[in-house]
Amino acid sequence: MTVNDLDIDDIKAGLADGSILLVDVREPHEFAAGHIPGSVSRPLSRFDPADLPNAPGKQLVLSCAAGIRSRQALAFAQSAGLDVDSHYLGGFRDWVMQGEPVAT
């Protein structure tokens, strides 16, 4: 499995310039309680690689609370033949700890 670990600077830059689409794989109640602005919800508990957003020209980046579930989702996506290899290593916890804005 190919894994590209992105850090907060990569995520902030990609969101700012529109080059990434952040897919949050935490559960719906976690997403509702707070998420990275601009991210979309695709919970791991019902994760379907075919349901990932089609975002031409954007890099899909998976994110969760701390980088564990996003790696699992990467494995699912890659085993389904998708060209997805990036996740936010620190996840939502890192985002919050760095004092970044949170959407609800």
C-alpha atoms as a PDB file:
ATOM      1  CA  MET A   1       0.000   0.000   0.000  1.00  0.00           C
ATOM      2  CA  THR A   2       1.278   3.443  -0.919  1.00  0.00           C
ATOM      3  CA  VAL A   3       0.763   6.049   1.801  1.00  0.00           C
ATOM      4  CA  ASN A   4       1.562   9.731   1.527  1.00  0.00           C
ATOM      5  CA  ASP A   5       1.512  11.284   5.018  1.00  0.00           C
ATOM      6  CA  LEU A   6       0.547  14.960   4.867  1.00  0.00           C
ATOM      7  CA  ASP A   7       1.029  17.366   7.753  1.00  0.00           C
ATOM      8  CA  ILE A   8      -0.974  20.419   8.792  1.00  0.00           C
ATOM      9  CA  ASP A   9       1.013  22.746   6.533  1.00  0.00           C
ATOM     10  CA  ASP A  10       0.232  20.551   3.509  1.00  0.00           C
ATOM     11  CA  ILE A  11      -3.469  20.504   4.443  1.00  0.00           C
ATOM     12  CA  LYS A  12      -3.699  24.253   5.041  1.00  0.00           C
ATOM     13  CA  ALA A  13      -1.920  25.040   1.765  1.00  0.00           C
ATOM     14  CA  GLY A  14      -4.057  22.587  -0.227  1.00  0.00           C
ATOM     15  CA  LEU A  15      -7.318  23.875   1.236  1.00  0.00           C
ATOM     16  CA  ALA A  16      -6.246  27.489   0.700  1.00  0.00           C
ATOM     17  CA  ASP A  17      -5.339  27.033  -2.974  1.00  0.00           C
ATOM     18  CA  GLY A  18      -8.137  24.558  -3.704  1.00  0.00           C
ATOM     19  CA  SER A  19      -5.789  21.762  -4.763  1.00  0.00           C
ATOM     20  CA  ILE A  20      -7.105  19.188  -2.271  1.00  0.00           C
ATOM     21  CA  LEU A  21     -10.479  17.815  -1.286  1.00  0.00           C
ATOM     22  CA  LEU A  22     -10.390  16.665   2.336  1.00  0.00           C
ATOM     23  CA  VAL A  23     -12.553  13.607   3.062  1.00  0.00           C
ATOM     24  CA  ASP A  24     -13.291  13.097   6.775  1.00  0.00           C
ATOM     25  CA  VAL A  25     -13.859   9.404   7.598  1.00  0.00           C
ATOM     26  CA  ARG A  26     -14.864   9.932  11.236  1.00  0.00           C
ATOM     27  CA  GLU A  27     -18.396   8.979  12.260  1.00  0.00           C
ATOM     28  CA  PRO A  28     -21.327  11.383  11.644  1.00  0.00           C
ATOM     29  CA  HIS A  29     -21.591  12.455  15.303  1.00  0.00           C
ATOM     30  CA  GLU A  30     -17.872  13.301  15.340  1.00  0.00           C
ATOM     31  CA  PHE A  31     -18.147  15.285  12.094  1.00  0.00           C
ATOM     32  CA  ALA A  32     -21.226  17.148  13.385  1.00  0.00           C
ATOM     33  CA  ALA A  33     -19.432  18.077  16.623  1.00  0.00           C
ATOM     34  CA  GLY A  34     -16.647  19.741  14.637  1.00  0.00           C
ATOM     35  CA  HIS A  35     -14.673  19.304  11.440  1.00  0.00           C
ATOM     36  CA  ILE A  36     -12.031  20.976   9.310  1.00  0.00           C
ATOM     37  CA  PRO A  37     -13.737  23.682   7.226  1.00  0.00           C
ATOM     38  CA  GLY A  38     -14.253  22.526   3.659  1.00  0.00           C
ATOM     39  CA  SER A  39     -14.024  18.811   4.437  1.00  0.00           C
ATOM     40  CA  VAL A  40     -16.718  16.346   3.378  1.00  0.00           C
ATOM     41  CA  SER A  41     -18.014  13.421   5.441  1.00  0.00           C
ATOM     42  CA  ARG A  42     -17.656   9.790   4.324  1.00  0.00           C
ATOM     43  CA  PRO A  43     -17.798   7.690   7.562  1.00  0.00           C
ATOM     44  CA  LEU A  44     -15.507   4.670   7.743  1.00  0.00           C
ATOM     45  CA  SER A  45     -18.295   2.509   9.238  1.00  0.00           C
ATOM     46  CA  ARG A  46     -20.086   2.623   5.878  1.00  0.00           C
ATOM     47  CA  PHE A  47     -17.126   3.551   3.694  1.00  0.00           C
ATOM     48  CA  ASP A  48     -17.632   2.807   0.013  1.00  0.00           C
ATOM     49  CA  PRO A  49     -14.726   3.758  -2.263  1.00  0.00           C
ATOM     50  CA  ALA A  50     -17.239   4.230  -5.087  1.00  0.00           C
ATOM     51  CA  ASP A  51     -18.899   6.964  -2.998  1.00  0.00           C
ATOM     52  CA  LEU A  52     -15.778   9.102  -2.799  1.00  0.00           C
ATOM     53  CA  PRO A  53     -16.361  12.511  -4.400  1.00  0.00           C
ATOM     54  CA  ASN A  54     -15.279  12.934  -7.987  1.00  0.00           C
ATOM     55  CA  ALA A  55     -13.133  16.051  -7.863  1.00  0.00           C
ATOM     56  CA  PRO A  56     -11.298  16.522 -11.171  1.00  0.00           C
ATOM     57  CA  GLY A  57      -8.027  18.379 -10.701  1.00  0.00           C
ATOM     58  CA  LYS A  58      -8.055  17.938  -6.931  1.00  0.00           C
ATOM     59  CA  GLN A  59      -6.061  15.546  -4.778  1.00  0.00           C
ATOM     60  CA  LEU A  60      -8.318  13.502  -2.490  1.00  0.00           C
ATOM     61  CA  VAL A  61      -6.909  13.472   1.038  1.00  0.00           C
ATOM     62  CA  LEU A  62      -8.447  11.324   3.759  1.00  0.00           C
ATOM     63  CA  SER A  63      -8.636  12.504   7.352  1.00  0.00           C
ATOM     64  CA  CYS A  64      -9.910  11.189  10.680  1.00  0.00           C
ATOM     65  CA  ALA A  65      -9.238  11.950  14.350  1.00  0.00           C
ATOM     66  CA  ALA A  66      -5.566  10.973  14.466  1.00  0.00           C
ATOM     67  CA  GLY A  67      -4.570   9.138  11.284  1.00  0.00           C
ATOM     68  CA  ILE A  68      -5.620   5.554  12.062  1.00  0.00           C
ATOM     69  CA  ARG A  69      -9.008   5.328  10.321  1.00  0.00           C
ATOM     70  CA  SER A  70      -7.808   7.408   7.378  1.00  0.00           C
ATOM     71  CA  ARG A  71      -5.113   4.772   6.721  1.00  0.00           C
ATOM     72  CA  GLN A  72      -7.786   2.043   6.846  1.00  0.00           C
ATOM     73  CA  ALA A  73      -9.910   3.995   4.366  1.00  0.00           C
ATOM     74  CA  LEU A  74      -6.840   4.408   2.119  1.00  0.00           C
ATOM     75  CA  ALA A  75      -6.405   0.629   2.110  1.00  0.00           C
ATOM     76  CA  PHE A  76     -10.073   0.152   1.136  1.00  0.00           C
ATOM     77  CA  ALA A  77      -9.817   2.741  -1.646  1.00  0.00           C
ATOM     78  CA  GLN A  78      -6.585   1.287  -3.025  1.00  0.00           C
ATOM     79  CA  SER A  79      -7.909  -2.277  -2.917  1.00  0.00           C
ATOM     80  CA  ALA A  80     -10.858  -1.013  -4.990  1.00  0.00           C
ATOM     81  CA  GLY A  81      -8.361   0.231  -7.561  1.00  0.00           C
ATOM     82  CA  LEU A  82      -8.628   3.949  -6.790  1.00  0.00           C
ATOM     83  CA  ASP A  83      -5.646   6.243  -7.143  1.00  0.00           C
ATOM     84  CA  VAL A  84      -5.855   7.640  -3.601  1.00  0.00           C
ATOM     85  CA  ASP A  85      -2.694   7.645  -1.505  1.00  0.00           C
ATOM     86  CA  SER A  86      -2.765  10.664   0.818  1.00  0.00           C
ATOM     87  CA  HIS A  87      -4.022  11.214   4.333  1.00  0.00           C
ATOM     88  CA  TYR A  88      -3.661  13.835   7.051  1.00  0.00           C
ATOM     89  CA  LEU A  89      -1.287  12.145   9.467  1.00  0.00           C
ATOM     90  CA  GLY A  90      -2.281  14.227  12.515  1.00  0.00           C
ATOM     91  CA  GLY A  91      -5.963  14.396  11.690  1.00  0.00           C
ATOM     92  CA  PHE A  92      -8.597  16.485  13.408  1.00  0.00           C
ATOM     93  CA  ARG A  93      -6.846  16.333  16.810  1.00  0.00           C
ATOM     94  CA  ASP A  94      -3.717  17.913  15.337  1.00  0.00           C
ATOM     95  CA  TRP A  95      -5.821  20.562  13.577  1.00  0.00           C
ATOM     96  CA  VAL A  96      -7.526  21.551  16.854  1.00  0.00           C
ATOM     97  CA  MET A  97      -4.301  21.437  18.877  1.00  0.00           C
ATOM     98  CA  GLN A  98      -2.711  23.861  16.390  1.00  0.00           C
ATOM     99  CA  GLY A  99      -5.555  26.303  17.042  1.00  0.00           C
ATOM    100  CA  GLU A 100      -7.067  26.113  13.558  1.00  0.00           C
ATOM    101  CA  PRO A 101     -10.722  27.026  12.910  1.00  0.00           C
ATOM    102  CA  VAL A 102     -13.403  24.345  13.282  1.00  0.00           C
ATOM    103  CA  ALA A 103     -16.711  24.167  11.420  1.00  0.00           C
ATOM    104  CA  THR A 104     -19.885  22.687  12.901  1.00  0.00           C
END
